[in-house]
Amino acid sequence: MKTLENTKTRKVKTIEVIFSNMTFVVKVHSHYMVALNSPSWSTNRYTATIKETGEGIGVMGGKKLITSQMDLINSRPDLFLRKLI
């Protein structure tokens, strides 16, 4: 895991997830909420991109949603990765 940003109000980290057909770069975003009754960190939000093409997977959400989207994309790599001749 690599930390991109770590301040008092914002944290952003990345991790590479390797599947059988492709590699995804997953970013985890969190921010500090001060204006609420009990100040605390927000829930983590995940985004991912395909490392080989740099294309986002089109989803921002929880860990389960990102994982299911990566499984779907990995099951059909011919739709997302072009073979170079």
PDB file of N, CA and C in Angstrom:
ATOM      1  N   MET A   1       0.855  -1.175   0.000  1.00  0.00           N
ATOM      2  CA  MET A   1       0.000   0.000   0.000  1.00  0.00           C
ATOM      3  C   MET A   1       0.895   1.230   0.000  1.00  0.00           C
ATOM      4  N   LYS A   2       0.539   2.196  -0.805  1.00  0.00           N
ATOM      5  CA  LYS A   2       1.311   3.425  -0.930  1.00  0.00           C
ATOM      6  C   LYS A   2       0.431   4.607  -0.538  1.00  0.00           C
ATOM      7  N   THR A   3       0.942   5.467   0.322  1.00  0.00           N
ATOM      8  CA  THR A   3       0.197   6.642   0.756  1.00  0.00           C
ATOM      9  C   THR A   3       0.482   7.798  -0.195  1.00  0.00           C
ATOM     10  N   LEU A   4      -0.576   8.354  -0.809  1.00  0.00           N
ATOM     11  CA  LEU A   4      -0.429   9.498  -1.700  1.00  0.00           C
ATOM     12  C   LEU A   4      -0.599  10.810  -0.951  1.00  0.00           C
ATOM     13  N   GLU A   5      -1.517  10.826   0.003  1.00  0.00           N
ATOM     14  CA  GLU A   5      -1.788  12.041   0.767  1.00  0.00           C
ATOM     15  C   GLU A   5      -2.218  11.643   2.171  1.00  0.00           C
ATOM     16  N   ASN A   6      -1.647  12.305   3.174  1.00  0.00           N
ATOM     17  CA  ASN A   6      -1.998  12.030   4.554  1.00  0.00           C
ATOM     18  C   ASN A   6      -1.895  13.338   5.337  1.00  0.00           C
ATOM     19  N   THR A   7      -3.032  14.011   5.490  1.00  0.00           N
ATOM     20  CA  THR A   7      -3.070  15.268   6.222  1.00  0.00           C
ATOM     21  C   THR A   7      -4.059  15.123   7.376  1.00  0.00           C
ATOM     22  N   LYS A   8      -4.289  16.203   8.101  1.00  0.00           N
ATOM     23  CA  LYS A   8      -5.238  16.156   9.211  1.00  0.00           C
ATOM     24  C   LYS A   8      -6.677  16.006   8.742  1.00  0.00           C
ATOM     25  N   THR A   9      -6.950  16.370   7.487  1.00  0.00           N
ATOM     26  CA  THR A   9      -8.329  16.334   7.005  1.00  0.00           C
ATOM     27  C   THR A   9      -8.564  15.378   5.846  1.00  0.00           C
ATOM     28  N   ARG A  10      -7.530  14.779   5.272  1.00  0.00           N
ATOM     29  CA  ARG A  10      -7.717  13.940   4.089  1.00  0.00           C
ATOM     30  C   ARG A  10      -6.652  12.847   4.027  1.00  0.00           C
ATOM     31  N   LYS A  11      -7.071  11.641   3.640  1.00  0.00           N
ATOM     32  CA  LYS A  11      -6.148  10.527   3.424  1.00  0.00           C
ATOM     33  C   LYS A  11      -6.472   9.860   2.099  1.00  0.00           C
ATOM     34  N   VAL A  12      -5.429   9.610   1.300  1.00  0.00           N
ATOM     35  CA  VAL A  12      -5.579   8.913   0.029  1.00  0.00           C
ATOM     36  C   VAL A  12      -4.461   7.882  -0.055  1.00  0.00           C
ATOM     37  N   LYS A  13      -4.840   6.619  -0.268  1.00  0.00           N
ATOM     38  CA  LYS A  13      -3.863   5.541  -0.387  1.00  0.00           C
ATOM     39  C   LYS A  13      -4.174   4.725  -1.631  1.00  0.00           C
ATOM     40  N   THR A  14      -3.154   4.050  -2.181  1.00  0.00           N
ATOM     41  CA  THR A  14      -3.346   3.188  -3.341  1.00  0.00           C
ATOM     42  C   THR A  14      -2.794   1.803  -3.058  1.00  0.00           C
ATOM     43  N   ILE A  15      -3.345   0.838  -3.761  1.00  0.00           N
ATOM     44  CA  ILE A  15      -2.852  -0.537  -3.710  1.00  0.00           C
ATOM     45  C   ILE A  15      -3.079  -1.162  -5.077  1.00  0.00           C
ATOM     46  N   GLU A  16      -2.162  -2.033  -5.504  1.00  0.00           N
ATOM     47  CA  GLU A  16      -2.321  -2.740  -6.774  1.00  0.00           C
ATOM     48  C   GLU A  16      -2.921  -4.111  -6.499  1.00  0.00           C
ATOM     49  N   VAL A  17      -3.980  -4.437  -7.234  1.00  0.00           N
ATOM     50  CA  VAL A  17      -4.644  -5.727  -7.115  1.00  0.00           C
ATOM     51  C   VAL A  17      -4.411  -6.476  -8.418  1.00  0.00           C
ATOM     52  N   ILE A  18      -3.782  -7.650  -8.327  1.00  0.00           N
ATOM     53  CA  ILE A  18      -3.442  -8.423  -9.513  1.00  0.00           C
ATOM     54  C   ILE A  18      -4.420  -9.576  -9.669  1.00  0.00           C
ATOM     55  N   PHE A  19      -5.134  -9.587 -10.799  1.00  0.00           N
ATOM     56  CA  PHE A  19      -6.007 -10.688 -11.157  1.00  0.00           C
ATOM     57  C   PHE A  19      -5.284 -11.528 -12.201  1.00  0.00           C
ATOM     58  N   SER A  20      -5.913 -12.583 -12.678  1.00  0.00           N
ATOM     59  CA  SER A  20      -5.255 -13.464 -13.642  1.00  0.00           C
ATOM     60  C   SER A  20      -5.008 -12.791 -14.984  1.00  0.00           C
ATOM     61  N   ASN A  21      -5.905 -11.888 -15.405  1.00  0.00           N
ATOM     62  CA  ASN A  21      -5.794 -11.274 -16.725  1.00  0.00           C
ATOM     63  C   ASN A  21      -5.300  -9.837 -16.712  1.00  0.00           C
ATOM     64  N   MET A  22      -5.437  -9.145 -15.602  1.00  0.00           N
ATOM     65  CA  MET A  22      -5.074  -7.728 -15.575  1.00  0.00           C
ATOM     66  C   MET A  22      -4.786  -7.266 -14.158  1.00  0.00           C
ATOM     67  N   THR A  23      -4.244  -6.065 -14.061  1.00  0.00           N
ATOM     68  CA  THR A  23      -3.905  -5.456 -12.783  1.00  0.00           C
ATOM     69  C   THR A  23      -4.728  -4.188 -12.606  1.00  0.00           C
ATOM     70  N   PHE A  24      -5.263  -3.996 -11.402  1.00  0.00           N
ATOM     71  CA  PHE A  24      -6.038  -2.810 -11.074  1.00  0.00           C
ATOM     72  C   PHE A  24      -5.289  -1.990 -10.038  1.00  0.00           C
ATOM     73  N   VAL A  25      -5.378  -0.662 -10.151  1.00  0.00           N
ATOM     74  CA  VAL A  25      -4.846   0.244  -9.140  1.00  0.00           C
ATOM     75  C   VAL A  25      -6.048   0.813  -8.401  1.00  0.00           C
ATOM     76  N   VAL A  26      -6.164   0.467  -7.116  1.00  0.00           N
ATOM     77  CA  VAL A  26      -7.311   0.875  -6.310  1.00  0.00           C
ATOM     78  C   VAL A  26      -6.896   2.030  -5.418  1.00  0.00           C
ATOM     79  N   LYS A  27      -7.673   3.127  -5.441  1.00  0.00           N
ATOM     80  CA  LYS A  27      -7.439   4.278  -4.562  1.00  0.00           C
ATOM     81  C   LYS A  27      -8.497   4.293  -3.471  1.00  0.00           C
ATOM     82  N   VAL A  28      -8.059   4.556  -2.245  1.00  0.00           N
ATOM     83  CA  VAL A  28      -8.958   4.645  -1.101  1.00  0.00           C
ATOM     84  C   VAL A  28      -8.948   6.087  -0.619  1.00  0.00           C
ATOM     85  N   HIS A  29     -10.136   6.719  -0.572  1.00  0.00           N
ATOM     86  CA  HIS A  29     -10.284   8.111  -0.158  1.00  0.00           C
ATOM     87  C   HIS A  29     -11.033   8.174   1.167  1.00  0.00           C
ATOM     88  N   SER A  30     -10.587   9.050   2.066  1.00  0.00           N
ATOM     89  CA  SER A  30     -11.285   9.300   3.321  1.00  0.00           C
ATOM     90  C   SER A  30     -11.016  10.740   3.727  1.00  0.00           C
ATOM     91  N   HIS A  31     -11.997  11.379   4.363  1.00  0.00           N
ATOM     92  CA  HIS A  31     -11.785  12.747   4.826  1.00  0.00           C
ATOM     93  C   HIS A  31     -12.362  12.910   6.229  1.00  0.00           C
ATOM     94  N   TYR A  32     -11.869  13.913   6.919  1.00  0.00           N
ATOM     95  CA  TYR A  32     -12.273  14.174   8.297  1.00  0.00           C
ATOM     96  C   TYR A  32     -13.457  15.126   8.302  1.00  0.00           C
ATOM     97  N   MET A  33     -14.530  14.748   9.002  1.00  0.00           N
ATOM     98  CA  MET A  33     -15.740  15.566   9.054  1.00  0.00           C
ATOM     99  C   MET A  33     -15.800  16.280  10.400  1.00  0.00           C
ATOM    100  N   VAL A  34     -15.715  17.598  10.375  1.00  0.00           N
ATOM    101  CA  VAL A  34     -15.676  18.390  11.602  1.00  0.00           C
ATOM    102  C   VAL A  34     -17.057  18.898  11.991  1.00  0.00           C
ATOM    103  N   ALA A  35     -17.906  19.191  11.036  1.00  0.00           N
ATOM    104  CA  ALA A  35     -19.169  19.882  11.299  1.00  0.00           C
ATOM    105  C   ALA A  35     -20.242  19.010  11.951  1.00  0.00           C
ATOM    106  N   LEU A  36     -20.010  17.739  12.112  1.00  0.00           N
ATOM    107  CA  LEU A  36     -21.012  16.868  12.709  1.00  0.00           C
ATOM    108  C   LEU A  36     -20.936  16.915  14.235  1.00  0.00           C
ATOM    109  N   ASN A  37     -21.919  16.314  14.884  1.00  0.00           N
ATOM    110  CA  ASN A  37     -21.947  16.304  16.344  1.00  0.00           C
ATOM    111  C   ASN A  37     -20.714  15.638  16.947  1.00  0.00           C
ATOM    112  N   SER A  38     -20.322  14.524  16.381  1.00  0.00           N
ATOM    113  CA  SER A  38     -19.104  13.863  16.856  1.00  0.00           C
ATOM    114  C   SER A  38     -18.125  13.784  15.685  1.00  0.00           C
ATOM    115  N   PRO A  39     -17.114  14.628  15.670  1.00  0.00           N
ATOM    116  CA  PRO A  39     -16.161  14.634  14.557  1.00  0.00           C
ATOM    117  C   PRO A  39     -15.481  13.273  14.398  1.00  0.00           C
ATOM    118  N   SER A  40     -15.389  12.815  13.161  1.00  0.00           N
ATOM    119  CA  SER A  40     -14.743  11.539  12.903  1.00  0.00           C
ATOM    120  C   SER A  40     -14.379  11.444  11.418  1.00  0.00           C
ATOM    121  N   TRP A  41     -13.724  10.357  11.072  1.00  0.00           N
ATOM    122  CA  TRP A  41     -13.355  10.104   9.685  1.00  0.00           C
ATOM    123  C   TRP A  41     -14.537   9.511   8.946  1.00  0.00           C
ATOM    124  N   SER A  42     -14.670   9.874   7.677  1.00  0.00           N
ATOM    125  CA  SER A  42     -15.750   9.331   6.845  1.00  0.00           C
ATOM    126  C   SER A  42     -15.451   7.870   6.509  1.00  0.00           C
ATOM    127  N   THR A  43     -16.450   7.177   5.982  1.00  0.00           N
ATOM    128  CA  THR A  43     -16.212   5.814   5.530  1.00  0.00           C
ATOM    129  C   THR A  43     -15.322   5.857   4.291  1.00  0.00           C
ATOM    130  N   ASN A  44     -14.573   4.812   4.088  1.00  0.00           N
ATOM    131  CA  ASN A  44     -13.666   4.752   2.949  1.00  0.00           C
ATOM    132  C   ASN A  44     -14.449   4.610   1.662  1.00  0.00           C
ATOM    133  N   ARG A  45     -14.027   5.346   0.639  1.00  0.00           N
ATOM    134  CA  ARG A  45     -14.591   5.247  -0.701  1.00  0.00           C
ATOM    135  C   ARG A  45     -13.488   4.764  -1.628  1.00  0.00           C
ATOM    136  N   TYR A  46     -13.817   3.816  -2.476  1.00  0.00           N
ATOM    137  CA  TYR A  46     -12.846   3.177  -3.348  1.00  0.00           C
ATOM    138  C   TYR A  46     -13.114   3.535  -4.802  1.00  0.00           C
ATOM    139  N   THR A  47     -12.048   3.767  -5.552  1.00  0.00           N
ATOM    140  CA  THR A  47     -12.109   3.890  -7.008  1.00  0.00           C
ATOM    141  C   THR A  47     -10.991   3.021  -7.562  1.00  0.00           C
ATOM    142  N   ALA A  48     -11.128   2.590  -8.811  1.00  0.00           N
ATOM    143  CA  ALA A  48     -10.102   1.731  -9.398  1.00  0.00           C
ATOM    144  C   ALA A  48      -9.926   2.060 -10.871  1.00  0.00           C
ATOM    145  N   THR A  49      -8.709   1.816 -11.353  1.00  0.00           N
ATOM    146  CA  THR A  49      -8.400   1.954 -12.772  1.00  0.00           C
ATOM    147  C   THR A  49      -7.672   0.703 -13.232  1.00  0.00           C
ATOM    148  N   ILE A  50      -7.796   0.399 -14.515  1.00  0.00           N
ATOM    149  CA  ILE A  50      -7.056  -0.708 -15.100  1.00  0.00           C
ATOM    150  C   ILE A  50      -5.645  -0.200 -15.371  1.00  0.00           C
ATOM    151  N   LYS A  51      -4.653  -0.862 -14.817  1.00  0.00           N
ATOM    152  CA  LYS A  51      -3.276  -0.371 -14.913  1.00  0.00           C
ATOM    153  C   LYS A  51      -2.762  -0.382 -16.347  1.00  0.00           C
ATOM    154  N   GLU A  52      -3.088  -1.401 -17.112  1.00  0.00           N
ATOM    155  CA  GLU A  52      -2.571  -1.530 -18.474  1.00  0.00           C
ATOM    156  C   GLU A  52      -3.087  -0.437 -19.407  1.00  0.00           C
ATOM    157  N   THR A  53      -4.332  -0.005 -19.220  1.00  0.00           N
ATOM    158  CA  THR A  53      -4.920   0.978 -20.132  1.00  0.00           C
ATOM    159  C   THR A  53      -5.126   2.345 -19.497  1.00  0.00           C
ATOM    160  N   GLY A  54      -5.146   2.409 -18.164  1.00  0.00           N
ATOM    161  CA  GLY A  54      -5.394   3.670 -17.480  1.00  0.00           C
ATOM    162  C   GLY A  54      -6.865   4.040 -17.429  1.00  0.00           C
ATOM    163  N   GLU A  55      -7.732   3.134 -17.855  1.00  0.00           N
ATOM    164  CA  GLU A  55      -9.174   3.383 -17.900  1.00  0.00           C
ATOM    165  C   GLU A  55      -9.810   3.106 -16.539  1.00  0.00           C
ATOM    166  N   GLY A  56     -10.655   4.037 -16.078  1.00  0.00           N
ATOM    167  CA  GLY A  56     -11.380   3.829 -14.832  1.00  0.00           C
ATOM    168  C   GLY A  56     -12.454   2.776 -15.012  1.00  0.00           C
ATOM    169  N   ILE A  57     -12.835   2.104 -13.925  1.00  0.00           N
ATOM    170  CA  ILE A  57     -13.839   1.046 -14.038  1.00  0.00           C
ATOM    171  C   ILE A  57     -15.253   1.578 -13.910  1.00  0.00           C
ATOM    172  N   GLY A  58     -15.417   2.865 -13.669  1.00  0.00           N
ATOM    173  CA  GLY A  58     -16.728   3.482 -13.694  1.00  0.00           C
ATOM    174  C   GLY A  58     -17.527   3.384 -12.418  1.00  0.00           C
ATOM    175  N   VAL A  59     -16.899   3.047 -11.314  1.00  0.00           N
ATOM    176  CA  VAL A  59     -17.613   2.874 -10.057  1.00  0.00           C
ATOM    177  C   VAL A  59     -16.831   3.539  -8.937  1.00  0.00           C
ATOM    178  N   MET A  60     -17.546   4.219  -8.039  1.00  0.00           N
ATOM    179  CA  MET A  60     -16.954   4.726  -6.803  1.00  0.00           C
ATOM    180  C   MET A  60     -17.865   4.275  -5.684  1.00  0.00           C
ATOM    181  N   GLY A  61     -17.335   3.511  -4.752  1.00  0.00           N
ATOM    182  CA  GLY A  61     -18.193   3.008  -3.696  1.00  0.00           C
ATOM    183  C   GLY A  61     -17.436   2.184  -2.686  1.00  0.00           C
ATOM    184  N   GLY A  62     -18.130   1.250  -2.088  1.00  0.00           N
ATOM    185  CA  GLY A  62     -17.562   0.406  -1.051  1.00  0.00           C
ATOM    186  C   GLY A  62     -16.702  -0.704  -1.621  1.00  0.00           C
ATOM    187  N   LYS A  63     -16.069  -1.432  -0.716  1.00  0.00           N
ATOM    188  CA  LYS A  63     -15.152  -2.494  -1.101  1.00  0.00           C
ATOM    189  C   LYS A  63     -15.862  -3.610  -1.878  1.00  0.00           C
ATOM    190  N   LYS A  64     -17.071  -3.980  -1.457  1.00  0.00           N
ATOM    191  CA  LYS A  64     -17.802  -5.059  -2.115  1.00  0.00           C
ATOM    192  C   LYS A  64     -18.181  -4.680  -3.542  1.00  0.00           C
ATOM    193  N   LEU A  65     -18.613  -3.449  -3.759  1.00  0.00           N
ATOM    194  CA  LEU A  65     -18.987  -2.978  -5.094  1.00  0.00           C
ATOM    195  C   LEU A  65     -17.788  -2.950  -6.029  1.00  0.00           C
ATOM    196  N   ILE A  66     -16.665  -2.442  -5.557  1.00  0.00           N
ATOM    197  CA  ILE A  66     -15.443  -2.386  -6.375  1.00  0.00           C
ATOM    198  C   ILE A  66     -14.965  -3.791  -6.709  1.00  0.00           C
ATOM    199  N   THR A  67     -14.995  -4.694  -5.748  1.00  0.00           N
ATOM    200  CA  THR A  67     -14.542  -6.065  -5.975  1.00  0.00           C
ATOM    201  C   THR A  67     -15.409  -6.771  -7.009  1.00  0.00           C
ATOM    202  N   SER A  68     -16.712  -6.609  -6.919  1.00  0.00           N
ATOM    203  CA  SER A  68     -17.591  -7.259  -7.900  1.00  0.00           C
ATOM    204  C   SER A  68     -17.382  -6.684  -9.297  1.00  0.00           C
ATOM    205  N   GLN A  69     -17.136  -5.384  -9.408  1.00  0.00           N
ATOM    206  CA  GLN A  69     -16.879  -4.764 -10.709  1.00  0.00           C
ATOM    207  C   GLN A  69     -15.547  -5.258 -11.285  1.00  0.00           C
ATOM    208  N   MET A  70     -14.522  -5.400 -10.445  1.00  0.00           N
ATOM    209  CA  MET A  70     -13.236  -5.912 -10.925  1.00  0.00           C
ATOM    210  C   MET A  70     -13.364  -7.364 -11.362  1.00  0.00           C
ATOM    211  N   ASP A  71     -14.147  -8.180 -10.652  1.00  0.00           N
ATOM    212  CA  ASP A  71     -14.382  -9.568 -11.060  1.00  0.00           C
ATOM    213  C   ASP A  71     -15.059  -9.639 -12.419  1.00  0.00           C
ATOM    214  N   LEU A  72     -16.047  -8.791 -12.625  1.00  0.00           N
ATOM    215  CA  LEU A  72     -16.755  -8.761 -13.898  1.00  0.00           C
ATOM    216  C   LEU A  72     -15.823  -8.378 -15.045  1.00  0.00           C
ATOM    217  N   ILE A  73     -15.026  -7.345 -14.850  1.00  0.00           N
ATOM    218  CA  ILE A  73     -14.094  -6.900 -15.891  1.00  0.00           C
ATOM    219  C   ILE A  73     -13.029  -7.961 -16.146  1.00  0.00           C
ATOM    220  N   ASN A  74     -12.544  -8.613 -15.102  1.00  0.00           N
ATOM    221  CA  ASN A  74     -11.524  -9.638 -15.252  1.00  0.00           C
ATOM    222  C   ASN A  74     -12.060 -10.864 -15.986  1.00  0.00           C
ATOM    223  N   SER A  75     -13.353 -11.149 -15.860  1.00  0.00           N
ATOM    224  CA  SER A  75     -13.917 -12.321 -16.532  1.00  0.00           C
ATOM    225  C   SER A  75     -14.026 -12.120 -18.040  1.00  0.00           C
ATOM    226  N   ARG A  76     -14.060 -10.868 -18.502  1.00  0.00           N
ATOM    227  CA  ARG A  76     -14.120 -10.570 -19.938  1.00  0.00           C
ATOM    228  C   ARG A  76     -13.017  -9.590 -20.340  1.00  0.00           C
ATOM    229  N   PRO A  77     -11.742  -9.993 -20.259  1.00  0.00           N
ATOM    230  CA  PRO A  77     -10.649  -9.069 -20.583  1.00  0.00           C
ATOM    231  C   PRO A  77     -10.607  -8.670 -22.050  1.00  0.00           C
ATOM    232  N   ASP A  78     -11.193  -9.492 -22.934  1.00  0.00           N
ATOM    233  CA  ASP A  78     -11.180  -9.159 -24.355  1.00  0.00           C
ATOM    234  C   ASP A  78     -11.961  -7.883 -24.655  1.00  0.00           C
ATOM    235  N   LEU A  79     -12.868  -7.503 -23.777  1.00  0.00           N
ATOM    236  CA  LEU A  79     -13.625  -6.271 -23.978  1.00  0.00           C
ATOM    237  C   LEU A  79     -12.848  -5.028 -23.534  1.00  0.00           C
ATOM    238  N   PHE A  80     -11.827  -5.222 -22.683  1.00  0.00           N
ATOM    239  CA  PHE A  80     -11.132  -4.083 -22.099  1.00  0.00           C
ATOM    240  C   PHE A  80      -9.667  -3.967 -22.492  1.00  0.00           C
ATOM    241  N   LEU A  81      -9.026  -5.076 -22.839  1.00  0.00           N
ATOM    242  CA  LEU A  81      -7.616  -5.052 -23.232  1.00  0.00           C
ATOM    243  C   LEU A  81      -7.494  -5.386 -24.698  1.00  0.00           C
ATOM    244  N   ARG A  82      -6.802  -4.530 -25.432  1.00  0.00           N
ATOM    245  CA  ARG A  82      -6.558  -4.788 -26.845  1.00  0.00           C
ATOM    246  C   ARG A  82      -5.213  -5.492 -26.979  1.00  0.00           C
ATOM    247  N   LYS A  83      -5.152  -6.448 -27.875  1.00  0.00           N
ATOM    248  CA  LYS A  83      -3.885  -7.126 -28.128  1.00  0.00           C
ATOM    249  C   LYS A  83      -3.119  -6.348 -29.190  1.00  0.00           C
ATOM    250  N   LEU A  84      -1.875  -6.027 -28.869  1.00  0.00           N
ATOM    251  CA  LEU A  84      -1.050  -5.284 -29.819  1.00  0.00           C
ATOM    252  C   LEU A  84      -0.432  -6.238 -30.820  1.00  0.00           C
ATOM    253  N   ILE A  85      -0.460  -5.868 -32.088  1.00  0.00           N
ATOM    254  CA  ILE A  85       0.111  -6.719 -33.139  1.00  0.00           C
ATOM    255  C   ILE A  85       1.518  -6.280 -33.442  1.00  0.00           C
TER     256      ILE A  85
END
